[in-house]
Amino acid sequence: ALRSIPGCQDVTLPFWDELANMGVKPARPIPSVLTSPRFDLDG
């Protein structure tokens, strides 16, 4: 479905690598793009 959107035919679903930031302080196991209500793009 994501690839059906015009211009997005090569999109693939990424995986949230839940173990990538183990032990980092302050804790940030979740990429910030998932927790920010804003993303500036295309106006």
ModelCIF file with pLDDT and N, C-alpha, C, O atoms, coordinates in Angstrom:
data_MODEL
#
_entry.id   MODEL 
#
_entity.id                         1 
_entity.type                       polymer 
_entity.pdbx_number_of_molecules   1 
#
_entity_poly.entity_id                      1 
_entity_poly.type                           'polypeptide(L)' 
_entity_poly.nstd_linkage                   no 
_entity_poly.nstd_monomer                   no 
_entity_poly.pdbx_seq_one_letter_code       ALRSIPGCQDVTLPFWDELANMGVKPARPIPSVLTSPRFDLDG 
_entity_poly.pdbx_seq_one_letter_code_can   ALRSIPGCQDVTLPFWDELANMGVKPARPIPSVLTSPRFDLDG 
_entity_poly.pdbx_strand_id                 A 
#
loop_
_entity_poly_seq.entity_id 
_entity_poly_seq.num 
_entity_poly_seq.mon_id 
_entity_poly_seq.hetero 
1 1  ALA n 
1 2  LEU n 
1 3  ARG n 
1 4  SER n 
1 5  ILE n 
1 6  PRO n 
1 7  GLY n 
1 8  CYS n 
1 9  GLN n 
1 10 ASP n 
1 11 VAL n 
1 12 THR n 
1 13 LEU n 
1 14 PRO n 
1 15 PHE n 
1 16 TRP n 
1 17 ASP n 
1 18 GLU n 
1 19 LEU n 
1 20 ALA n 
1 21 ASN n 
1 22 MET n 
1 23 GLY n 
1 24 VAL n 
1 25 LYS n 
1 26 PRO n 
1 27 ALA n 
1 28 ARG n 
1 29 PRO n 
1 30 ILE n 
1 31 PRO n 
1 32 SER n 
1 33 VAL n 
1 34 LEU n 
1 35 THR n 
1 36 SER n 
1 37 PRO n 
1 38 ARG n 
1 39 PHE n 
1 40 ASP n 
1 41 LEU n 
1 42 ASP n 
1 43 GLY n 
#
_struct_asym.id          A 
_struct_asym.entity_id   1 
#
loop_
_ma_qa_metric.id 
_ma_qa_metric.mode 
_ma_qa_metric.name 
_ma_qa_metric.software_group_id 
_ma_qa_metric.type 
1 global pLDDT . pLDDT 
2 local  pLDDT . pLDDT 
#
_ma_qa_metric_global.metric_id      1 
_ma_qa_metric_global.metric_value   95.70 
_ma_qa_metric_global.model_id       1 
_ma_qa_metric_global.ordinal_id     1 
#
loop_
_ma_qa_metric_local.label_asym_id 
_ma_qa_metric_local.label_comp_id 
_ma_qa_metric_local.label_seq_id 
_ma_qa_metric_local.metric_id 
_ma_qa_metric_local.metric_value 
_ma_qa_metric_local.model_id 
_ma_qa_metric_local.ordinal_id 
A ALA 1  2 98.00 1 1  
A LEU 2  2 98.00 1 2  
A ARG 3  2 98.00 1 3  
A SER 4  2 98.00 1 4  
A ILE 5  2 98.00 1 5  
A PRO 6  2 97.00 1 6  
A GLY 7  2 97.00 1 7  
A CYS 8  2 98.00 1 8  
A GLN 9  2 98.00 1 9  
A ASP 10 2 98.00 1 10 
A VAL 11 2 98.00 1 11 
A THR 12 2 98.00 1 12 
A LEU 13 2 98.00 1 13 
A PRO 14 2 98.00 1 14 
A PHE 15 2 98.00 1 15 
A TRP 16 2 98.00 1 16 
A ASP 17 2 97.00 1 17 
A GLU 18 2 97.00 1 18 
A LEU 19 2 94.00 1 19 
A ALA 20 2 93.00 1 20 
A ASN 21 2 91.00 1 21 
A MET 22 2 85.00 1 22 
A GLY 23 2 81.00 1 23 
A VAL 24 2 86.00 1 24 
A LYS 25 2 87.00 1 25 
A PRO 26 2 90.00 1 26 
A ALA 27 2 89.00 1 27 
A ARG 28 2 94.00 1 28 
A PRO 29 2 96.00 1 29 
A ILE 30 2 97.00 1 30 
A PRO 31 2 97.00 1 31 
A SER 32 2 97.00 1 32 
A VAL 33 2 98.00 1 33 
A LEU 34 2 98.00 1 34 
A THR 35 2 98.00 1 35 
A SER 36 2 98.00 1 36 
A PRO 37 2 98.00 1 37 
A ARG 38 2 98.00 1 38 
A PHE 39 2 98.00 1 39 
A ASP 40 2 98.00 1 40 
A LEU 41 2 98.00 1 41 
A ASP 42 2 98.00 1 42 
A GLY 43 2 98.00 1 43 
#
loop_
_atom_site.group_PDB 
_atom_site.id 
_atom_site.type_symbol 
_atom_site.label_atom_id 
_atom_site.label_alt_id 
_atom_site.label_comp_id 
_atom_site.label_asym_id 
_atom_site.label_entity_id 
_atom_site.label_seq_id 
_atom_site.pdbx_PDB_ins_code 
_atom_site.Cartn_x 
_atom_site.Cartn_y 
_atom_site.Cartn_z 
_atom_site.occupancy 
_atom_site.B_iso_or_equiv 
_atom_site.pdbx_formal_charge 
_atom_site.auth_seq_id 
_atom_site.auth_comp_id 
_atom_site.auth_asym_id 
_atom_site.auth_atom_id 
_atom_site.pdbx_PDB_model_num 
ATOM 1   N N  . ALA A 1 1  ? 0.833  -1.205 0.000  1.00 98.00 ? 1  ALA A N  1 
ATOM 2   C CA . ALA A 1 1  ? 0.000  0.000  0.000  1.00 98.00 ? 1  ALA A CA 1 
ATOM 3   C C  . ALA A 1 1  ? 0.868  1.256  0.000  1.00 98.00 ? 1  ALA A C  1 
ATOM 4   O O  . ALA A 1 1  ? 0.582  2.207  -0.727 1.00 98.00 ? 1  ALA A O  1 
ATOM 5   N N  . LEU A 1 2  ? 1.917  1.264  0.803  1.00 98.00 ? 2  LEU A N  1 
ATOM 6   C CA . LEU A 1 2  ? 2.828  2.413  0.826  1.00 98.00 ? 2  LEU A CA 1 
ATOM 7   C C  . LEU A 1 2  ? 3.435  2.654  -0.549 1.00 98.00 ? 2  LEU A C  1 
ATOM 8   O O  . LEU A 1 2  ? 3.591  3.801  -0.967 1.00 98.00 ? 2  LEU A O  1 
ATOM 9   N N  . ARG A 1 3  ? 3.775  1.591  -1.245 1.00 98.00 ? 3  ARG A N  1 
ATOM 10  C CA . ARG A 1 3  ? 4.413  1.702  -2.558 1.00 98.00 ? 3  ARG A CA 1 
ATOM 11  C C  . ARG A 1 3  ? 3.424  2.104  -3.652 1.00 98.00 ? 3  ARG A C  1 
ATOM 12  O O  . ARG A 1 3  ? 3.828  2.421  -4.770 1.00 98.00 ? 3  ARG A O  1 
ATOM 13  N N  . SER A 1 4  ? 2.131  2.093  -3.330 1.00 98.00 ? 4  SER A N  1 
ATOM 14  C CA . SER A 1 4  ? 1.125  2.497  -4.315 1.00 98.00 ? 4  SER A CA 1 
ATOM 15  C C  . SER A 1 4  ? 0.981  4.012  -4.404 1.00 98.00 ? 4  SER A C  1 
ATOM 16  O O  . SER A 1 4  ? 0.364  4.515  -5.343 1.00 98.00 ? 4  SER A O  1 
ATOM 17  N N  . ILE A 1 5  ? 1.538  4.745  -3.448 1.00 98.00 ? 5  ILE A N  1 
ATOM 18  C CA . ILE A 1 5  ? 1.462  6.200  -3.458 1.00 98.00 ? 5  ILE A CA 1 
ATOM 19  C C  . ILE A 1 5  ? 2.423  6.740  -4.520 1.00 98.00 ? 5  ILE A C  1 
ATOM 20  O O  . ILE A 1 5  ? 3.586  6.336  -4.547 1.00 98.00 ? 5  ILE A O  1 
ATOM 21  N N  . PRO A 1 6  ? 1.966  7.641  -5.392 1.00 97.00 ? 6  PRO A N  1 
ATOM 22  C CA . PRO A 1 6  ? 2.826  8.176  -6.469 1.00 97.00 ? 6  PRO A CA 1 
ATOM 23  C C  . PRO A 1 6  ? 4.151  8.718  -5.932 1.00 97.00 ? 6  PRO A C  1 
ATOM 24  O O  . PRO A 1 6  ? 4.184  9.495  -4.978 1.00 97.00 ? 6  PRO A O  1 
ATOM 25  N N  . GLY A 1 7  ? 5.233  8.290  -6.567 1.00 97.00 ? 7  GLY A N  1 
ATOM 26  C CA . GLY A 1 7  ? 6.564  8.711  -6.173 1.00 97.00 ? 7  GLY A CA 1 
ATOM 27  C C  . GLY A 1 7  ? 7.175  7.880  -5.065 1.00 97.00 ? 7  GLY A C  1 
ATOM 28  O O  . GLY A 1 7  ? 8.329  8.096  -4.697 1.00 97.00 ? 7  GLY A O  1 
ATOM 29  N N  . CYS A 1 8  ? 6.418  6.928  -4.524 1.00 98.00 ? 8  CYS A N  1 
ATOM 30  C CA . CYS A 1 8  ? 6.897  6.126  -3.394 1.00 98.00 ? 8  CYS A CA 1 
ATOM 31  C C  . CYS A 1 8  ? 7.013  4.649  -3.756 1.00 98.00 ? 8  CYS A C  1 
ATOM 32  O O  . CYS A 1 8  ? 6.985  3.788  -2.877 1.00 98.00 ? 8  CYS A O  1 
ATOM 33  N N  . GLN A 1 9  ? 7.142  4.358  -5.035 1.00 98.00 ? 9  GLN A N  1 
ATOM 34  C CA . GLN A 1 9  ? 7.108  2.970  -5.507 1.00 98.00 ? 9  GLN A CA 1 
ATOM 35  C C  . GLN A 1 9  ? 8.294  2.142  -5.022 1.00 98.00 ? 9  GLN A C  1 
ATOM 36  O O  . GLN A 1 9  ? 8.254  0.913  -5.088 1.00 98.00 ? 9  GLN A O  1 
ATOM 37  N N  . ASP A 1 10 ? 9.351  2.797  -4.536 1.00 98.00 ? 10 ASP A N  1 
ATOM 38  C CA . ASP A 1 10 ? 10.517 2.062  -4.042 1.00 98.00 ? 10 ASP A CA 1 
ATOM 39  C C  . ASP A 1 10 ? 10.596 2.029  -2.512 1.00 98.00 ? 10 ASP A C  1 
ATOM 40  O O  . ASP A 1 10 ? 11.574 1.533  -1.954 1.00 98.00 ? 10 ASP A O  1 
ATOM 41  N N  . VAL A 1 11 ? 9.582  2.549  -1.839 1.00 98.00 ? 11 VAL A N  1 
ATOM 42  C CA . VAL A 1 11 ? 9.594  2.570  -0.370 1.00 98.00 ? 11 VAL A CA 1 
ATOM 43  C C  . VAL A 1 11 ? 9.535  1.148  0.185  1.00 98.00 ? 11 VAL A C  1 
ATOM 44  O O  . VAL A 1 11 ? 8.805  0.298  -0.325 1.00 98.00 ? 11 VAL A O  1 
ATOM 45  N N  . THR A 1 12 ? 10.306 0.909  1.223  1.00 98.00 ? 12 THR A N  1 
ATOM 46  C CA . THR A 1 12 ? 10.182 -0.340 1.975  1.00 98.00 ? 12 THR A CA 1 
ATOM 47  C C  . THR A 1 12 ? 9.932  0.014  3.439  1.00 98.00 ? 12 THR A C  1 
ATOM 48  O O  . THR A 1 12 ? 10.335 1.077  3.913  1.00 98.00 ? 12 THR A O  1 
ATOM 49  N N  . LEU A 1 13 ? 9.276  -0.874 4.129  1.00 98.00 ? 13 LEU A N  1 
ATOM 50  C CA . LEU A 1 13 ? 8.939  -0.640 5.529  1.00 98.00 ? 13 LEU A CA 1 
ATOM 51  C C  . LEU A 1 13 ? 10.188 -0.842 6.384  1.00 98.00 ? 13 LEU A C  1 
ATOM 52  O O  . LEU A 1 13 ? 10.769 -1.927 6.356  1.00 98.00 ? 13 LEU A O  1 
ATOM 53  N N  . PRO A 1 14 ? 10.619 0.160  7.137  1.00 98.00 ? 14 PRO A N  1 
ATOM 54  C CA . PRO A 1 14 ? 11.788 -0.037 7.997  1.00 98.00 ? 14 PRO A CA 1 
ATOM 55  C C  . PRO A 1 14 ? 11.417 -0.751 9.290  1.00 98.00 ? 14 PRO A C  1 
ATOM 56  O O  . PRO A 1 14 ? 10.250 -0.790 9.680  1.00 98.00 ? 14 PRO A O  1 
ATOM 57  N N  . PHE A 1 15 ? 12.421 -1.313 9.947  1.00 98.00 ? 15 PHE A N  1 
ATOM 58  C CA . PHE A 1 15 ? 12.176 -1.930 11.246 1.00 98.00 ? 15 PHE A CA 1 
ATOM 59  C C  . PHE A 1 15 ? 12.763 -1.058 12.345 1.00 98.00 ? 15 PHE A C  1 
ATOM 60  O O  . PHE A 1 15 ? 13.887 -0.567 12.242 1.00 98.00 ? 15 PHE A O  1 
ATOM 61  N N  . TRP A 1 16 ? 11.969 -0.876 13.405 1.00 98.00 ? 16 TRP A N  1 
ATOM 62  C CA . TRP A 1 16 ? 12.466 -0.191 14.591 1.00 98.00 ? 16 TRP A CA 1 
ATOM 63  C C  . TRP A 1 16 ? 13.392 -1.177 15.296 1.00 98.00 ? 16 TRP A C  1 
ATOM 64  O O  . TRP A 1 16 ? 12.932 -2.161 15.877 1.00 98.00 ? 16 TRP A O  1 
ATOM 65  N N  . ASP A 1 17 ? 14.690 -0.913 15.244 1.00 97.00 ? 17 ASP A N  1 
ATOM 66  C CA . ASP A 1 17 ? 15.673 -1.831 15.826 1.00 97.00 ? 17 ASP A CA 1 
ATOM 67  C C  . ASP A 1 17 ? 15.689 -1.628 17.337 1.00 97.00 ? 17 ASP A C  1 
ATOM 68  O O  . ASP A 1 17 ? 16.419 -0.783 17.854 1.00 97.00 ? 17 ASP A O  1 
ATOM 69  N N  . GLU A 1 18 ? 14.887 -2.403 18.025 1.00 97.00 ? 18 GLU A N  1 
ATOM 70  C CA . GLU A 1 18 ? 14.596 -2.162 19.430 1.00 97.00 ? 18 GLU A CA 1 
ATOM 71  C C  . GLU A 1 18 ? 15.793 -2.377 20.363 1.00 97.00 ? 18 GLU A C  1 
ATOM 72  O O  . GLU A 1 18 ? 15.784 -1.907 21.500 1.00 97.00 ? 18 GLU A O  1 
ATOM 73  N N  . LEU A 1 19 ? 16.813 -3.079 19.888 1.00 94.00 ? 19 LEU A N  1 
ATOM 74  C CA . LEU A 1 19 ? 17.985 -3.348 20.725 1.00 94.00 ? 19 LEU A CA 1 
ATOM 75  C C  . LEU A 1 19 ? 19.188 -2.498 20.328 1.00 94.00 ? 19 LEU A C  1 
ATOM 76  O O  . LEU A 1 19 ? 20.269 -2.663 20.893 1.00 94.00 ? 19 LEU A O  1 
ATOM 77  N N  . ALA A 1 20 ? 19.018 -1.596 19.369 1.00 93.00 ? 20 ALA A N  1 
ATOM 78  C CA . ALA A 1 20 ? 20.157 -0.863 18.812 1.00 93.00 ? 20 ALA A CA 1 
ATOM 79  C C  . ALA A 1 20 ? 20.798 0.095  19.807 1.00 93.00 ? 20 ALA A C  1 
ATOM 80  O O  . ALA A 1 20 ? 22.008 0.314  19.751 1.00 93.00 ? 20 ALA A O  1 
ATOM 81  N N  . ASN A 1 21 ? 20.017 0.671  20.716 1.00 91.00 ? 21 ASN A N  1 
ATOM 82  C CA . ASN A 1 21 ? 20.548 1.674  21.636 1.00 91.00 ? 21 ASN A CA 1 
ATOM 83  C C  . ASN A 1 21 ? 20.481 1.222  23.088 1.00 91.00 ? 21 ASN A C  1 
ATOM 84  O O  . ASN A 1 21 ? 20.227 2.024  23.986 1.00 91.00 ? 21 ASN A O  1 
ATOM 85  N N  . MET A 1 22 ? 20.710 -0.067 23.311 1.00 85.00 ? 22 MET A N  1 
ATOM 86  C CA . MET A 1 22 ? 20.706 -0.599 24.670 1.00 85.00 ? 22 MET A CA 1 
ATOM 87  C C  . MET A 1 22 ? 21.744 0.110  25.531 1.00 85.00 ? 22 MET A C  1 
ATOM 88  O O  . MET A 1 22 ? 22.898 0.252  25.128 1.00 85.00 ? 22 MET A O  1 
ATOM 89  N N  . GLY A 1 23 ? 21.334 0.553  26.710 1.00 81.00 ? 23 GLY A N  1 
ATOM 90  C CA . GLY A 1 23 ? 22.262 1.135  27.665 1.00 81.00 ? 23 GLY A CA 1 
ATOM 91  C C  . GLY A 1 23 ? 22.577 2.599  27.470 1.00 81.00 ? 23 GLY A C  1 
ATOM 92  O O  . GLY A 1 23 ? 23.264 3.191  28.304 1.00 81.00 ? 23 GLY A O  1 
ATOM 93  N N  . VAL A 1 24 ? 22.098 3.206  26.393 1.00 86.00 ? 24 VAL A N  1 
ATOM 94  C CA . VAL A 1 24 ? 22.370 4.617  26.147 1.00 86.00 ? 24 VAL A CA 1 
ATOM 95  C C  . VAL A 1 24 ? 21.608 5.463  27.166 1.00 86.00 ? 24 VAL A C  1 
ATOM 96  O O  . VAL A 1 24 ? 20.439 5.199  27.449 1.00 86.00 ? 24 VAL A O  1 
ATOM 97  N N  . LYS A 1 25 ? 22.277 6.484  27.718 1.00 87.00 ? 25 LYS A N  1 
ATOM 98  C CA . LYS A 1 25 ? 21.648 7.374  28.685 1.00 87.00 ? 25 LYS A CA 1 
ATOM 99  C C  . LYS A 1 25 ? 21.785 8.818  28.215 1.00 87.00 ? 25 LYS A C  1 
ATOM 100 O O  . LYS A 1 25 ? 22.867 9.204  27.770 1.00 87.00 ? 25 LYS A O  1 
ATOM 101 N N  . PRO A 1 26 ? 20.729 9.635  28.295 1.00 90.00 ? 26 PRO A N  1 
ATOM 102 C CA . PRO A 1 26 ? 19.379 9.231  28.691 1.00 90.00 ? 26 PRO A CA 1 
ATOM 103 C C  . PRO A 1 26 ? 18.796 8.240  27.698 1.00 90.00 ? 26 PRO A C  1 
ATOM 104 O O  . PRO A 1 26 ? 19.181 8.205  26.529 1.00 90.00 ? 26 PRO A O  1 
ATOM 105 N N  . ALA A 1 27 ? 17.861 7.438  28.185 1.00 89.00 ? 27 ALA A N  1 
ATOM 106 C CA . ALA A 1 27 ? 17.325 6.349  27.373 1.00 89.00 ? 27 ALA A CA 1 
ATOM 107 C C  . ALA A 1 27 ? 16.705 6.882  26.078 1.00 89.00 ? 27 ALA A C  1 
ATOM 108 O O  . ALA A 1 27 ? 15.946 7.851  26.099 1.00 89.00 ? 27 ALA A O  1 
ATOM 109 N N  . ARG A 1 28 ? 17.031 6.245  24.960 1.00 94.00 ? 28 ARG A N  1 
ATOM 110 C CA . ARG A 1 28 ? 16.423 6.614  23.682 1.00 94.00 ? 28 ARG A CA 1 
ATOM 111 C C  . ARG A 1 28 ? 16.319 5.396  22.756 1.00 94.00 ? 28 ARG A C  1 
ATOM 112 O O  . ARG A 1 28 ? 16.872 5.403  21.657 1.00 94.00 ? 28 ARG A O  1 
ATOM 113 N N  . PRO A 1 29 ? 15.612 4.356  23.199 1.00 96.00 ? 29 PRO A N  1 
ATOM 114 C CA . PRO A 1 29 ? 15.448 3.192  22.324 1.00 96.00 ? 29 PRO A CA 1 
ATOM 115 C C  . PRO A 1 29 ? 14.533 3.462  21.133 1.00 96.00 ? 29 PRO A C  1 
ATOM 116 O O  . PRO A 1 29 ? 14.558 2.714  20.156 1.00 96.00 ? 29 PRO A O  1 
ATOM 117 N N  . ILE A 1 30 ? 13.722 4.524  21.203 1.00 97.00 ? 30 ILE A N  1 
ATOM 118 C CA . ILE A 1 30 ? 12.780 4.817  20.127 1.00 97.00 ? 30 ILE A CA 1 
ATOM 119 C C  . ILE A 1 30 ? 13.333 5.936  19.261 1.00 97.00 ? 30 ILE A C  1 
ATOM 120 O O  . ILE A 1 30 ? 13.628 7.008  19.791 1.00 97.00 ? 30 ILE A O  1 
ATOM 121 N N  . PRO A 1 31 ? 13.490 5.742  17.955 1.00 97.00 ? 31 PRO A N  1 
ATOM 122 C CA . PRO A 1 31 ? 13.956 6.828  17.074 1.00 97.00 ? 31 PRO A CA 1 
ATOM 123 C C  . PRO A 1 31 ? 13.044 8.046  17.209 1.00 97.00 ? 31 PRO A C  1 
ATOM 124 O O  . PRO A 1 31 ? 11.825 7.909  17.309 1.00 97.00 ? 31 PRO A O  1 
ATOM 125 N N  . SER A 1 32 ? 13.634 9.218  17.212 1.00 97.00 ? 32 SER A N  1 
ATOM 126 C CA . SER A 1 32 ? 12.879 10.435 17.496 1.00 97.00 ? 32 SER A CA 1 
ATOM 127 C C  . SER A 1 32 ? 11.807 10.730 16.464 1.00 97.00 ? 32 SER A C  1 
ATOM 128 O O  . SER A 1 32 ? 10.851 11.447 16.760 1.00 97.00 ? 32 SER A O  1 
ATOM 129 N N  . VAL A 1 33 ? 11.943 10.191 15.257 1.00 98.00 ? 33 VAL A N  1 
ATOM 130 C CA . VAL A 1 33 ? 10.915 10.439 14.245 1.00 98.00 ? 33 VAL A CA 1 
ATOM 131 C C  . VAL A 1 33 ? 9.588  9.789  14.640 1.00 98.00 ? 33 VAL A C  1 
ATOM 132 O O  . VAL A 1 33 ? 8.541  10.165 14.112 1.00 98.00 ? 33 VAL A O  1 
ATOM 133 N N  . LEU A 1 34 ? 9.613  8.835  15.546 1.00 98.00 ? 34 LEU A N  1 
ATOM 134 C CA . LEU A 1 34 ? 8.386  8.197  16.015 1.00 98.00 ? 34 LEU A CA 1 
ATOM 135 C C  . LEU A 1 34 ? 7.739  8.942  17.166 1.00 98.00 ? 34 LEU A C  1 
ATOM 136 O O  . LEU A 1 34 ? 6.566  8.718  17.464 1.00 98.00 ? 34 LEU A O  1 
ATOM 137 N N  . THR A 1 35 ? 8.489  9.831  17.821 1.00 98.00 ? 35 THR A N  1 
ATOM 138 C CA . THR A 1 35 ? 7.958  10.503 19.010 1.00 98.00 ? 35 THR A CA 1 
ATOM 139 C C  . THR A 1 35 ? 7.779  12.002 18.828 1.00 98.00 ? 35 THR A C  1 
ATOM 140 O O  . THR A 1 35 ? 7.347  12.691 19.752 1.00 98.00 ? 35 THR A O  1 
ATOM 141 N N  . SER A 1 36 ? 8.101  12.508 17.664 1.00 98.00 ? 36 SER A N  1 
ATOM 142 C CA . SER A 1 36 ? 7.912  13.939 17.395 1.00 98.00 ? 36 SER A CA 1 
ATOM 143 C C  . SER A 1 36 ? 6.627  14.149 16.605 1.00 98.00 ? 36 SER A C  1 
ATOM 144 O O  . SER A 1 36 ? 6.425  13.483 15.589 1.00 98.00 ? 36 SER A O  1 
ATOM 145 N N  . PRO A 1 37 ? 5.748  15.058 17.042 1.00 98.00 ? 37 PRO A N  1 
ATOM 146 C CA . PRO A 1 37 ? 4.504  15.293 16.298 1.00 98.00 ? 37 PRO A CA 1 
ATOM 147 C C  . PRO A 1 37 ? 4.699  16.080 15.016 1.00 98.00 ? 37 PRO A C  1 
ATOM 148 O O  . PRO A 1 37 ? 3.752  16.249 14.248 1.00 98.00 ? 37 PRO A O  1 
ATOM 149 N N  . ARG A 1 38 ? 5.913  16.568 14.768 1.00 98.00 ? 38 ARG A N  1 
ATOM 150 C CA . ARG A 1 38 ? 6.178  17.410 13.595 1.00 98.00 ? 38 ARG A CA 1 
ATOM 151 C C  . ARG A 1 38 ? 7.203  16.766 12.674 1.00 98.00 ? 38 ARG A C  1 
ATOM 152 O O  . ARG A 1 38 ? 8.184  16.170 13.119 1.00 98.00 ? 38 ARG A O  1 
ATOM 153 N N  . PHE A 1 39 ? 6.947  16.904 11.382 1.00 98.00 ? 39 PHE A N  1 
ATOM 154 C CA . PHE A 1 39 ? 7.945  16.548 10.370 1.00 98.00 ? 39 PHE A CA 1 
ATOM 155 C C  . PHE A 1 39 ? 7.739  17.506 9.200  1.00 98.00 ? 39 PHE A C  1 
ATOM 156 O O  . PHE A 1 39 ? 6.718  17.453 8.514  1.00 98.00 ? 39 PHE A O  1 
ATOM 157 N N  . ASP A 1 40 ? 8.723  18.386 8.980  1.00 98.00 ? 40 ASP A N  1 
ATOM 158 C CA . ASP A 1 40 ? 8.617  19.394 7.934  1.00 98.00 ? 40 ASP A CA 1 
ATOM 159 C C  . ASP A 1 40 ? 8.972  18.802 6.580  1.00 98.00 ? 40 ASP A C  1 
ATOM 160 O O  . ASP A 1 40 ? 10.102 18.374 6.346  1.00 98.00 ? 40 ASP A O  1 
ATOM 161 N N  . LEU A 1 41 ? 7.980  18.786 5.693  1.00 98.00 ? 41 LEU A N  1 
ATOM 162 C CA . LEU A 1 41 ? 8.186  18.214 4.366  1.00 98.00 ? 41 LEU A CA 1 
ATOM 163 C C  . LEU A 1 41 ? 7.055  18.658 3.439  1.00 98.00 ? 41 LEU A C  1 
ATOM 164 O O  . LEU A 1 41 ? 5.881  18.592 3.805  1.00 98.00 ? 41 LEU A O  1 
ATOM 165 N N  . ASP A 1 42 ? 7.413  19.104 2.251  1.00 98.00 ? 42 ASP A N  1 
ATOM 166 C CA . ASP A 1 42 ? 6.439  19.473 1.222  1.00 98.00 ? 42 ASP A CA 1 
ATOM 167 C C  . ASP A 1 42 ? 5.454  20.530 1.711  1.00 98.00 ? 42 ASP A C  1 
ATOM 168 O O  . ASP A 1 42 ? 4.276  20.488 1.355  1.00 98.00 ? 42 ASP A O  1 
ATOM 169 N N  . GLY A 1 43 ? 5.923  21.474 2.520  1.00 98.00 ? 43 GLY A N  1 
ATOM 170 C CA . GLY A 1 43 ? 5.065  22.542 2.994  1.00 98.00 ? 43 GLY A CA 1 
ATOM 171 C C  . GLY A 1 43 ? 4.126  22.149 4.109  1.00 98.00 ? 43 GLY A C  1 
ATOM 172 O O  . GLY A 1 43 ? 3.353  22.979 4.587  1.00 98.00 ? 43 GLY A O  1 
#
